[in-house]
Amino acid sequence: MKINGREVGFLYTVGAFCDINDYVVANPDVSAATAELEKAVILNRAYNEAHGIAEGGLTVAELRACPLHILADLREEMKKAEEEGLKRSVEAKEKKDKGTA
């Protein structure tokens, strides 16, 4: 998606999952809205790390300054990233039991 004229991506990894949960535990009094912005920053950081993008990551301050309609788009993109992150890409087949008869 585009935010402030640049393309940004989101990736849901184990590290992102841990960082999101760590943030929520460390900040029990934060609003759900602010936590959602932090989640966007974390998912964007995971995407950037996976794709070798060193700069231009989202910040909470940047997201807070966006028009509210961006939040709806942001939520949709994060949802897609989570769904993709939870999909299995490889299915292992069970070995057949070699019984002696």
N, C-alpha and C. Protein backbone atom coordinates (compact mmCIF):
# COMPACT_ATOMS: atom_id res chain seq x y z
N MET A 1 0.84 -1.17 0.00
CA MET A 1 0.00 0.00 0.00
C MET A 1 0.88 1.23 0.00
N LYS A 2 0.31 2.35 -0.41
CA LYS A 2 1.07 3.59 -0.42
C LYS A 2 0.69 4.42 0.81
N ILE A 3 1.73 4.90 1.49
CA ILE A 3 1.55 5.83 2.60
C ILE A 3 2.53 6.96 2.38
N ASN A 4 2.00 8.16 2.37
CA ASN A 4 2.81 9.35 2.13
C ASN A 4 3.67 9.24 0.87
N GLY A 5 3.07 8.68 -0.18
CA GLY A 5 3.72 8.63 -1.48
C GLY A 5 4.72 7.51 -1.67
N ARG A 6 4.90 6.65 -0.69
CA ARG A 6 5.84 5.54 -0.88
C ARG A 6 5.13 4.22 -0.61
N GLU A 7 5.61 3.20 -1.30
CA GLU A 7 5.06 1.85 -1.15
C GLU A 7 5.61 1.22 0.12
N VAL A 8 4.72 0.68 0.94
CA VAL A 8 5.13 -0.01 2.16
C VAL A 8 4.49 -1.39 2.18
N GLY A 9 5.21 -2.35 2.75
CA GLY A 9 4.70 -3.71 2.84
C GLY A 9 4.67 -4.17 4.28
N PHE A 10 3.99 -5.28 4.50
CA PHE A 10 3.83 -5.85 5.82
C PHE A 10 4.07 -7.35 5.76
N LEU A 11 4.75 -7.89 6.78
CA LEU A 11 5.05 -9.32 6.84
C LEU A 11 4.85 -9.81 8.26
N TYR A 12 4.09 -10.88 8.40
CA TYR A 12 3.80 -11.45 9.71
C TYR A 12 4.72 -12.65 9.92
N THR A 13 5.72 -12.45 10.76
CA THR A 13 6.71 -13.48 11.05
C THR A 13 6.63 -13.86 12.52
N VAL A 14 7.35 -14.88 12.90
CA VAL A 14 7.43 -15.26 14.32
C VAL A 14 7.99 -14.09 15.13
N GLY A 15 9.02 -13.45 14.61
CA GLY A 15 9.60 -12.31 15.30
C GLY A 15 8.60 -11.18 15.47
N ALA A 16 7.82 -10.89 14.42
CA ALA A 16 6.80 -9.85 14.51
C ALA A 16 5.74 -10.23 15.54
N PHE A 17 5.32 -11.49 15.54
CA PHE A 17 4.35 -11.98 16.53
C PHE A 17 4.87 -11.74 17.95
N CYS A 18 6.13 -12.07 18.18
CA CYS A 18 6.73 -11.88 19.51
C CYS A 18 6.81 -10.40 19.86
N ASP A 19 7.25 -9.57 18.92
CA ASP A 19 7.38 -8.14 19.17
C ASP A 19 6.02 -7.50 19.48
N ILE A 20 5.00 -7.90 18.77
CA ILE A 20 3.64 -7.37 19.02
C ILE A 20 3.20 -7.75 20.43
N ASN A 21 3.37 -9.01 20.78
CA ASN A 21 2.95 -9.45 22.11
C ASN A 21 3.78 -8.81 23.22
N ASP A 22 5.07 -8.65 22.99
CA ASP A 22 5.92 -7.97 23.97
C ASP A 22 5.47 -6.53 24.17
N TYR A 23 5.10 -5.85 23.08
CA TYR A 23 4.64 -4.47 23.19
C TYR A 23 3.36 -4.40 24.04
N VAL A 24 2.42 -5.28 23.75
CA VAL A 24 1.15 -5.27 24.48
C VAL A 24 1.37 -5.53 25.97
N VAL A 25 2.22 -6.49 26.29
CA VAL A 25 2.50 -6.81 27.69
C VAL A 25 3.19 -5.63 28.39
N ALA A 26 4.11 -4.98 27.70
CA ALA A 26 4.87 -3.87 28.29
C ALA A 26 4.05 -2.58 28.39
N ASN A 27 2.95 -2.52 27.66
CA ASN A 27 2.14 -1.30 27.62
C ASN A 27 0.66 -1.61 27.85
N PRO A 28 0.30 -2.10 29.04
CA PRO A 28 -1.08 -2.54 29.27
C PRO A 28 -2.10 -1.40 29.25
N ASP A 29 -1.66 -0.17 29.43
CA ASP A 29 -2.59 0.95 29.49
C ASP A 29 -2.76 1.68 28.16
N VAL A 30 -2.09 1.23 27.11
CA VAL A 30 -2.18 1.90 25.82
C VAL A 30 -3.53 1.56 25.16
N SER A 31 -4.02 2.48 24.35
CA SER A 31 -5.29 2.23 23.66
C SER A 31 -5.11 1.19 22.57
N ALA A 32 -6.22 0.57 22.19
CA ALA A 32 -6.19 -0.41 21.10
C ALA A 32 -5.75 0.26 19.80
N ALA A 33 -6.13 1.52 19.61
CA ALA A 33 -5.76 2.23 18.39
C ALA A 33 -4.25 2.43 18.30
N THR A 34 -3.64 2.85 19.39
CA THR A 34 -2.19 3.04 19.40
C THR A 34 -1.47 1.71 19.24
N ALA A 35 -1.98 0.68 19.89
CA ALA A 35 -1.38 -0.66 19.74
C ALA A 35 -1.44 -1.11 18.29
N GLU A 36 -2.51 -0.75 17.61
CA GLU A 36 -2.64 -1.12 16.20
C GLU A 36 -1.60 -0.41 15.34
N LEU A 37 -1.31 0.84 15.66
CA LEU A 37 -0.27 1.56 14.93
C LEU A 37 1.10 0.95 15.19
N GLU A 38 1.35 0.56 16.44
CA GLU A 38 2.61 -0.11 16.76
C GLU A 38 2.73 -1.42 16.00
N LYS A 39 1.62 -2.13 15.89
CA LYS A 39 1.60 -3.39 15.14
C LYS A 39 1.96 -3.15 13.67
N ALA A 40 1.43 -2.09 13.09
CA ALA A 40 1.75 -1.76 11.69
C ALA A 40 3.24 -1.49 11.53
N VAL A 41 3.81 -0.77 12.48
CA VAL A 41 5.25 -0.47 12.43
C VAL A 41 6.05 -1.76 12.52
N ILE A 42 5.64 -2.67 13.39
CA ILE A 42 6.35 -3.94 13.57
C ILE A 42 6.24 -4.81 12.32
N LEU A 43 5.05 -4.91 11.74
CA LEU A 43 4.87 -5.72 10.52
C LEU A 43 5.63 -5.11 9.35
N ASN A 44 5.70 -3.79 9.29
CA ASN A 44 6.47 -3.13 8.24
C ASN A 44 7.95 -3.37 8.44
N ARG A 45 8.42 -3.31 9.68
CA ARG A 45 9.84 -3.57 9.96
C ARG A 45 10.21 -4.99 9.55
N ALA A 46 9.34 -5.97 9.84
CA ALA A 46 9.60 -7.36 9.45
C ALA A 46 9.68 -7.48 7.92
N TYR A 47 8.80 -6.80 7.23
CA TYR A 47 8.82 -6.81 5.76
C TYR A 47 10.13 -6.22 5.25
N ASN A 48 10.50 -5.08 5.80
CA ASN A 48 11.72 -4.41 5.35
C ASN A 48 12.95 -5.27 5.60
N GLU A 49 13.02 -5.89 6.77
CA GLU A 49 14.16 -6.76 7.09
C GLU A 49 14.23 -7.94 6.13
N ALA A 50 13.10 -8.53 5.82
CA ALA A 50 13.08 -9.69 4.92
C ALA A 50 13.45 -9.33 3.49
N HIS A 51 13.23 -8.07 3.12
CA HIS A 51 13.50 -7.64 1.75
C HIS A 51 14.72 -6.74 1.63
N GLY A 52 15.52 -6.66 2.69
CA GLY A 52 16.75 -5.90 2.63
C GLY A 52 16.56 -4.39 2.48
N ILE A 53 15.46 -3.88 2.97
CA ILE A 53 15.18 -2.44 2.91
C ILE A 53 15.68 -1.82 4.21
N ALA A 54 16.70 -1.00 4.10
CA ALA A 54 17.37 -0.48 5.29
C ALA A 54 16.73 0.79 5.86
N GLU A 55 16.04 1.55 5.04
CA GLU A 55 15.48 2.80 5.53
C GLU A 55 14.08 3.00 5.00
N GLY A 56 13.39 3.99 5.56
CA GLY A 56 12.04 4.31 5.08
C GLY A 56 10.95 3.54 5.78
N GLY A 57 11.25 2.98 6.94
CA GLY A 57 10.22 2.25 7.68
C GLY A 57 9.18 3.20 8.28
N LEU A 58 8.00 2.66 8.49
CA LEU A 58 6.93 3.44 9.09
C LEU A 58 7.26 3.80 10.54
N THR A 59 6.68 4.90 10.99
CA THR A 59 6.77 5.27 12.40
C THR A 59 5.36 5.55 12.90
N VAL A 60 5.19 5.43 14.20
CA VAL A 60 3.88 5.73 14.80
C VAL A 60 3.54 7.20 14.56
N ALA A 61 4.52 8.09 14.71
CA ALA A 61 4.28 9.52 14.50
C ALA A 61 3.78 9.78 13.08
N GLU A 62 4.38 9.11 12.10
CA GLU A 62 3.95 9.28 10.71
C GLU A 62 2.51 8.80 10.52
N LEU A 63 2.19 7.65 11.08
CA LEU A 63 0.84 7.10 10.94
C LEU A 63 -0.19 7.96 11.65
N ARG A 64 0.16 8.51 12.79
CA ARG A 64 -0.77 9.37 13.53
C ARG A 64 -1.13 10.62 12.74
N ALA A 65 -0.26 11.07 11.86
CA ALA A 65 -0.50 12.28 11.07
C ALA A 65 -1.29 12.01 9.79
N CYS A 66 -1.55 10.74 9.48
CA CYS A 66 -2.28 10.39 8.25
C CYS A 66 -3.78 10.66 8.41
N PRO A 67 -4.46 10.91 7.30
CA PRO A 67 -5.92 11.01 7.35
C PRO A 67 -6.52 9.69 7.84
N LEU A 68 -7.65 9.76 8.49
CA LEU A 68 -8.24 8.58 9.11
C LEU A 68 -8.56 7.47 8.11
N HIS A 69 -8.88 7.82 6.87
CA HIS A 69 -9.21 6.76 5.90
C HIS A 69 -8.02 5.83 5.66
N ILE A 70 -6.81 6.29 5.91
CA ILE A 70 -5.63 5.43 5.75
C ILE A 70 -5.68 4.27 6.75
N LEU A 71 -6.26 4.51 7.92
CA LEU A 71 -6.33 3.47 8.95
C LEU A 71 -7.12 2.26 8.46
N ALA A 72 -8.21 2.49 7.74
CA ALA A 72 -9.00 1.37 7.20
C ALA A 72 -8.16 0.55 6.22
N ASP A 73 -7.43 1.23 5.35
CA ASP A 73 -6.57 0.53 4.39
C ASP A 73 -5.45 -0.21 5.11
N LEU A 74 -4.90 0.44 6.13
CA LEU A 74 -3.82 -0.15 6.92
C LEU A 74 -4.29 -1.44 7.59
N ARG A 75 -5.47 -1.40 8.17
CA ARG A 75 -6.04 -2.59 8.82
C ARG A 75 -6.20 -3.74 7.83
N GLU A 76 -6.68 -3.42 6.64
CA GLU A 76 -6.88 -4.45 5.62
C GLU A 76 -5.55 -5.07 5.19
N GLU A 77 -4.54 -4.25 4.99
CA GLU A 77 -3.22 -4.76 4.59
C GLU A 77 -2.59 -5.61 5.69
N MET A 78 -2.76 -5.19 6.94
CA MET A 78 -2.21 -5.99 8.05
C MET A 78 -2.95 -7.32 8.16
N LYS A 79 -4.25 -7.31 7.94
CA LYS A 79 -5.04 -8.55 7.98
C LYS A 79 -4.55 -9.52 6.90
N LYS A 80 -4.30 -8.99 5.71
CA LYS A 80 -3.79 -9.83 4.62
C LYS A 80 -2.43 -10.43 4.99
N ALA A 81 -1.57 -9.60 5.56
CA ALA A 81 -0.24 -10.07 5.96
C ALA A 81 -0.35 -11.18 7.00
N GLU A 82 -1.25 -11.02 7.96
CA GLU A 82 -1.44 -12.05 8.98
C GLU A 82 -1.95 -13.34 8.36
N GLU A 83 -2.92 -13.23 7.47
CA GLU A 83 -3.46 -14.43 6.82
C GLU A 83 -2.39 -15.14 6.02
N GLU A 84 -1.57 -14.39 5.31
CA GLU A 84 -0.47 -14.98 4.53
C GLU A 84 0.56 -15.62 5.46
N GLY A 85 0.86 -14.95 6.57
CA GLY A 85 1.84 -15.47 7.51
C GLY A 85 1.40 -16.76 8.19
N LEU A 86 0.10 -16.96 8.28
CA LEU A 86 -0.42 -18.15 8.94
C LEU A 86 -0.61 -19.33 7.98
N LYS A 87 -0.49 -19.08 6.67
CA LYS A 87 -0.65 -20.17 5.71
C LYS A 87 0.58 -21.06 5.71
N ARG A 88 0.35 -22.33 5.54
CA ARG A 88 1.45 -23.28 5.36
C ARG A 88 1.81 -23.30 3.89
N SER A 89 3.10 -23.24 3.63
CA SER A 89 3.51 -23.27 2.23
C SER A 89 4.01 -24.65 1.81
N VAL A 90 4.35 -25.48 2.80
CA VAL A 90 4.82 -26.82 2.51
C VAL A 90 4.09 -27.78 3.43
N GLU A 91 3.54 -28.80 2.87
CA GLU A 91 2.89 -29.84 3.65
C GLU A 91 3.76 -31.08 3.64
N ALA A 92 4.07 -31.59 4.79
CA ALA A 92 4.87 -32.81 4.88
C ALA A 92 3.94 -34.02 4.83
N LYS A 93 4.35 -35.02 4.09
CA LYS A 93 3.57 -36.26 4.04
C LYS A 93 4.09 -37.19 5.11
N GLU A 94 3.15 -37.89 5.73
CA GLU A 94 3.57 -38.86 6.74
C GLU A 94 4.18 -40.07 6.07
N LYS A 95 5.21 -40.62 6.69
CA LYS A 95 5.82 -41.84 6.15
C LYS A 95 4.87 -43.00 6.39
N LYS A 96 4.82 -43.88 5.40
CA LYS A 96 4.01 -45.07 5.57
C LYS A 96 4.76 -46.03 6.48
N ASP A 97 4.02 -46.64 7.37
CA ASP A 97 4.60 -47.58 8.31
C ASP A 97 4.96 -48.85 7.57
N LYS A 98 6.25 -49.24 7.66
CA LYS A 98 6.71 -50.48 7.02
C LYS A 98 6.55 -51.60 8.03
N GLY A 99 5.41 -52.21 8.02
CA GLY A 99 5.17 -53.31 8.95
C GLY A 99 5.65 -54.64 8.40
N THR A 100 5.97 -55.52 9.26
CA THR A 100 6.36 -56.87 8.82
C THR A 100 5.16 -57.75 8.95
N ALA A 101 4.89 -58.49 7.92
CA ALA A 101 3.73 -59.35 7.95
C ALA A 101 4.11 -60.79 7.97
